[in-house]
Structure formats: C-alpha cells, structure tokens
C-alpha cells in the first residue's frame, strides 16, 4: 500500500476515534448529571475521574471533523494522482 494512502487512512481512523471519544464524554456527562446521587461508599483505590468541560469537548469534535476532512482530501488527491499516472502509462 502506498505510504500517502496509508497515512490518510490512519488519519481518518484517528479523527474518527477522537470524535467518538469526545461524543462519549458528552454523553457520559449528560448521564451523570441526570442520575441520582451515588450512595456507594468511596473507594480509595478508584482513580479520580477527569472533569469534562463541554466547551472543550465541542472544540475537540470540531477539530476532529476538520482533521477527518483534511485526511479525506489527502486520500482523494492520492487517488487522483494515481489515476493520472495510470492514464499516462496506459
């Protein structure tokens, strides 16, 4: 597989994962705000959860969307270039 093609596909996958993770963070924030208070005893071994800032998550989602589109453009350019080279050789 071509290096540019592989890089573009990896970038698309990475942007998709960033968007999925950010969406999950916002969904979890909404779920925790609407649930009843937790009556479980506190556990010292638990890792403290990171506070989710909705504004930061929106920015992360927009950034992931731009990265996704940019990688699609790289992929499209690579495919067009490969097609042009094949047309020249044929």
N, C-alpha and C. Protein backbone atom coordinates (compact mmCIF):
# COMPACT_ATOMS: atom_id res chain seq x y z
N UNK A 1 0.85 -1.18 0.00
CA UNK A 1 0.00 0.00 0.00
C UNK A 1 0.89 1.24 0.00
N UNK A 2 0.44 2.25 -0.69
CA UNK A 2 1.18 3.48 -0.79
C UNK A 2 1.24 4.17 0.58
N UNK A 3 2.37 4.83 0.85
CA UNK A 3 2.57 5.48 2.15
C UNK A 3 1.56 6.60 2.36
N UNK A 4 1.33 7.42 1.35
CA UNK A 4 0.36 8.53 1.49
C UNK A 4 -1.04 7.99 1.73
N UNK A 5 -1.38 6.92 1.04
CA UNK A 5 -2.69 6.30 1.21
C UNK A 5 -2.84 5.76 2.63
N UNK A 6 -1.80 5.10 3.11
CA UNK A 6 -1.81 4.55 4.46
C UNK A 6 -1.90 5.65 5.51
N UNK A 7 -1.16 6.73 5.31
CA UNK A 7 -1.19 7.85 6.25
C UNK A 7 -2.57 8.50 6.30
N UNK A 8 -3.18 8.65 5.13
CA UNK A 8 -4.52 9.25 5.08
C UNK A 8 -5.54 8.37 5.79
N UNK A 9 -5.47 7.08 5.56
CA UNK A 9 -6.41 6.16 6.22
C UNK A 9 -6.20 6.13 7.73
N UNK A 10 -4.95 6.19 8.16
CA UNK A 10 -4.66 6.24 9.59
C UNK A 10 -5.18 7.53 10.21
N UNK A 11 -5.03 8.65 9.49
CA UNK A 11 -5.54 9.93 9.97
C UNK A 11 -7.05 9.94 10.07
N UNK A 12 -7.72 9.34 9.09
CA UNK A 12 -9.18 9.25 9.12
C UNK A 12 -9.63 8.43 10.32
N UNK A 13 -8.95 7.31 10.55
CA UNK A 13 -9.29 6.46 11.69
C UNK A 13 -9.06 7.18 13.01
N UNK A 14 -7.96 7.92 13.10
CA UNK A 14 -7.65 8.67 14.32
C UNK A 14 -8.69 9.76 14.59
N UNK A 15 -9.05 10.50 13.55
CA UNK A 15 -10.06 11.55 13.72
C UNK A 15 -11.40 10.96 14.12
N UNK A 16 -11.75 9.82 13.54
CA UNK A 16 -12.99 9.15 13.89
C UNK A 16 -12.99 8.73 15.36
N UNK A 17 -11.87 8.22 15.84
CA UNK A 17 -11.76 7.80 17.24
C UNK A 17 -11.84 9.00 18.19
N UNK A 18 -11.20 10.11 17.80
CA UNK A 18 -11.28 11.32 18.63
C UNK A 18 -12.71 11.82 18.74
N UNK A 19 -13.44 11.80 17.63
CA UNK A 19 -14.83 12.23 17.64
C UNK A 19 -15.69 11.30 18.48
N UNK A 20 -15.45 9.99 18.36
CA UNK A 20 -16.20 9.02 19.15
C UNK A 20 -15.96 9.21 20.63
N UNK A 21 -14.70 9.39 21.01
CA UNK A 21 -14.36 9.56 22.43
C UNK A 21 -14.96 10.84 23.00
N UNK A 22 -14.90 11.92 22.24
CA UNK A 22 -15.47 13.18 22.71
C UNK A 22 -16.99 13.09 22.84
N UNK A 23 -17.62 12.42 21.89
CA UNK A 23 -19.07 12.24 21.97
C UNK A 23 -19.45 11.40 23.19
N UNK A 24 -18.67 10.38 23.46
CA UNK A 24 -18.92 9.55 24.64
C UNK A 24 -18.75 10.36 25.92
N UNK A 25 -17.77 11.25 25.94
CA UNK A 25 -17.57 12.10 27.12
C UNK A 25 -18.79 12.98 27.38
N UNK A 26 -19.33 13.57 26.33
CA UNK A 26 -20.51 14.42 26.49
C UNK A 26 -21.72 13.59 26.90
N UNK A 27 -21.87 12.41 26.31
CA UNK A 27 -23.00 11.54 26.69
C UNK A 27 -22.88 11.12 28.15
N UNK A 28 -21.67 10.81 28.59
CA UNK A 28 -21.47 10.43 29.99
C UNK A 28 -21.73 11.60 30.92
N UNK A 29 -21.38 12.80 30.49
CA UNK A 29 -21.65 13.98 31.29
C UNK A 29 -23.15 14.17 31.46
N UNK A 30 -23.89 14.02 30.40
CA UNK A 30 -25.34 14.16 30.47
C UNK A 30 -25.95 13.09 31.36
N UNK A 31 -25.43 11.87 31.28
CA UNK A 31 -25.96 10.77 32.08
C UNK A 31 -25.68 10.98 33.56
N UNK A 32 -24.51 11.46 33.90
CA UNK A 32 -24.16 11.65 35.32
C UNK A 32 -24.90 12.83 35.91
N UNK A 33 -25.21 13.85 35.10
CA UNK A 33 -25.96 15.00 35.61
C UNK A 33 -27.42 14.65 35.89
N UNK A 34 -27.96 13.68 35.20
CA UNK A 34 -29.37 13.33 35.36
C UNK A 34 -29.59 12.16 36.30
N UNK A 35 -28.55 11.48 36.68
CA UNK A 35 -28.72 10.32 37.56
C UNK A 35 -28.83 10.77 39.01
N UNK A 36 -29.34 9.88 39.84
CA UNK A 36 -29.47 10.22 41.26
C UNK A 36 -28.10 10.19 41.93
N UNK A 37 -27.95 10.82 43.06
CA UNK A 37 -26.66 10.83 43.74
C UNK A 37 -26.19 9.41 44.09
N UNK A 38 -24.91 9.22 44.05
CA UNK A 38 -24.32 7.91 44.31
C UNK A 38 -24.22 7.69 45.82
N UNK A 39 -24.82 6.58 46.31
CA UNK A 39 -24.78 6.27 47.73
C UNK A 39 -23.71 5.25 48.09
N UNK A 40 -22.90 4.86 47.10
CA UNK A 40 -21.85 3.89 47.37
C UNK A 40 -20.76 4.51 48.23
N UNK A 41 -20.16 3.71 49.09
CA UNK A 41 -19.04 4.25 49.86
C UNK A 41 -17.87 4.57 48.93
N UNK A 42 -17.14 5.58 49.28
CA UNK A 42 -16.00 5.96 48.43
C UNK A 42 -14.91 4.91 48.55
N UNK A 43 -14.29 4.64 47.47
CA UNK A 43 -13.21 3.65 47.41
C UNK A 43 -11.90 4.40 47.18
N UNK A 44 -10.93 4.16 48.03
CA UNK A 44 -9.65 4.85 47.93
C UNK A 44 -8.90 4.43 46.67
N UNK A 45 -9.14 3.22 46.20
CA UNK A 45 -8.42 2.70 45.04
C UNK A 45 -8.93 3.24 43.72
N UNK A 46 -10.06 3.91 43.72
CA UNK A 46 -10.61 4.42 42.47
C UNK A 46 -9.78 5.58 41.96
N UNK A 47 -9.59 5.60 40.66
CA UNK A 47 -8.89 6.71 40.02
C UNK A 47 -9.89 7.86 39.88
N UNK A 48 -9.50 9.06 40.30
CA UNK A 48 -10.45 10.16 40.18
C UNK A 48 -10.76 10.44 38.71
N UNK A 49 -12.02 10.69 38.43
CA UNK A 49 -12.43 10.94 37.06
C UNK A 49 -12.05 12.36 36.65
N UNK A 50 -11.69 12.48 35.38
CA UNK A 50 -11.35 13.78 34.81
C UNK A 50 -12.63 14.58 34.64
N UNK A 51 -12.59 15.84 35.02
CA UNK A 51 -13.77 16.67 34.85
C UNK A 51 -13.94 17.01 33.38
N UNK A 52 -15.14 16.83 32.88
CA UNK A 52 -15.43 17.05 31.47
C UNK A 52 -15.99 18.46 31.30
N UNK A 53 -15.34 19.21 30.44
CA UNK A 53 -15.79 20.56 30.12
C UNK A 53 -16.47 20.49 28.75
N UNK A 54 -17.77 20.76 28.69
CA UNK A 54 -18.48 20.65 27.40
C UNK A 54 -17.90 21.54 26.31
N UNK A 55 -17.42 22.72 26.67
CA UNK A 55 -16.85 23.61 25.66
C UNK A 55 -15.60 22.99 25.04
N UNK A 56 -14.77 22.38 25.86
CA UNK A 56 -13.56 21.73 25.34
C UNK A 56 -13.93 20.54 24.45
N UNK A 57 -14.97 19.84 24.81
CA UNK A 57 -15.39 18.69 24.01
C UNK A 57 -15.94 19.13 22.65
N UNK A 58 -16.65 20.25 22.61
CA UNK A 58 -17.15 20.77 21.33
C UNK A 58 -15.98 21.16 20.43
N UNK A 59 -14.99 21.82 21.02
CA UNK A 59 -13.80 22.19 20.25
C UNK A 59 -13.08 20.94 19.75
N UNK A 60 -12.98 19.93 20.58
CA UNK A 60 -12.34 18.66 20.18
C UNK A 60 -13.10 18.02 19.03
N UNK A 61 -14.43 18.06 19.07
CA UNK A 61 -15.23 17.48 18.00
C UNK A 61 -15.03 18.24 16.69
N UNK A 62 -14.98 19.56 16.76
CA UNK A 62 -14.76 20.36 15.55
C UNK A 62 -13.36 20.10 14.99
N UNK A 63 -12.39 20.01 15.87
CA UNK A 63 -11.02 19.72 15.44
C UNK A 63 -10.93 18.35 14.78
N UNK A 64 -11.60 17.37 15.35
CA UNK A 64 -11.60 16.03 14.77
C UNK A 64 -12.29 16.03 13.42
N UNK A 65 -13.36 16.80 13.28
CA UNK A 65 -14.07 16.88 11.99
C UNK A 65 -13.18 17.50 10.93
N UNK A 66 -12.45 18.56 11.29
CA UNK A 66 -11.53 19.19 10.32
C UNK A 66 -10.40 18.23 9.94
N UNK A 67 -9.89 17.50 10.90
CA UNK A 67 -8.83 16.53 10.61
C UNK A 67 -9.36 15.43 9.69
N UNK A 68 -10.59 15.02 9.91
CA UNK A 68 -11.21 13.99 9.08
C UNK A 68 -11.31 14.46 7.63
N UNK A 69 -11.81 15.68 7.45
CA UNK A 69 -11.97 16.24 6.10
C UNK A 69 -10.60 16.43 5.44
N UNK A 70 -9.63 16.90 6.18
CA UNK A 70 -8.29 17.09 5.62
C UNK A 70 -7.70 15.77 5.15
N UNK A 71 -7.87 14.72 5.93
CA UNK A 71 -7.36 13.42 5.53
C UNK A 71 -8.12 12.84 4.34
N UNK A 72 -9.41 13.14 4.25
CA UNK A 72 -10.17 12.73 3.06
C UNK A 72 -9.64 13.43 1.81
N UNK A 73 -9.26 14.71 1.95
CA UNK A 73 -8.70 15.44 0.81
C UNK A 73 -7.36 14.83 0.39
N UNK A 74 -6.55 14.45 1.36
CA UNK A 74 -5.27 13.79 1.04
C UNK A 74 -5.54 12.49 0.31
N UNK A 75 -6.49 11.73 0.79
CA UNK A 75 -6.85 10.46 0.15
C UNK A 75 -7.35 10.69 -1.27
N UNK A 76 -8.22 11.68 -1.46
CA UNK A 76 -8.75 11.99 -2.77
C UNK A 76 -7.63 12.43 -3.72
N UNK A 77 -6.71 13.26 -3.25
CA UNK A 77 -5.60 13.70 -4.08
C UNK A 77 -4.72 12.53 -4.47
N UNK A 78 -4.45 11.64 -3.53
CA UNK A 78 -3.63 10.46 -3.83
C UNK A 78 -4.29 9.57 -4.88
N UNK A 79 -5.59 9.37 -4.76
CA UNK A 79 -6.30 8.55 -5.73
C UNK A 79 -6.29 9.21 -7.11
N UNK A 80 -6.52 10.53 -7.15
CA UNK A 80 -6.48 11.25 -8.43
C UNK A 80 -5.10 11.20 -9.06
N UNK A 81 -4.06 11.34 -8.26
CA UNK A 81 -2.69 11.29 -8.76
C UNK A 81 -2.37 9.91 -9.31
N UNK A 82 -2.76 8.89 -8.58
CA UNK A 82 -2.53 7.52 -9.05
C UNK A 82 -3.27 7.26 -10.35
N UNK A 83 -4.50 7.75 -10.45
CA UNK A 83 -5.26 7.60 -11.68
C UNK A 83 -4.61 8.32 -12.84
N UNK A 84 -4.10 9.53 -12.60
CA UNK A 84 -3.43 10.28 -13.66
C UNK A 84 -2.17 9.56 -14.12
N UNK A 85 -1.42 9.01 -13.18
CA UNK A 85 -0.21 8.29 -13.55
C UNK A 85 -0.54 7.04 -14.36
N UNK A 86 -1.60 6.35 -13.99
CA UNK A 86 -2.02 5.17 -14.75
C UNK A 86 -2.48 5.56 -16.15
N UNK A 87 -3.15 6.70 -16.29
CA UNK A 87 -3.58 7.17 -17.60
C UNK A 87 -2.38 7.50 -18.48
N UNK A 88 -1.33 8.08 -17.89
CA UNK A 88 -0.12 8.41 -18.65
C UNK A 88 0.58 7.14 -19.11
N UNK A 89 0.67 6.15 -18.24
CA UNK A 89 1.34 4.90 -18.57
C UNK A 89 0.57 4.06 -19.57
N UNK A 90 -0.76 4.19 -19.60
CA UNK A 90 -1.59 3.34 -20.48
C UNK A 90 -1.61 3.81 -21.89
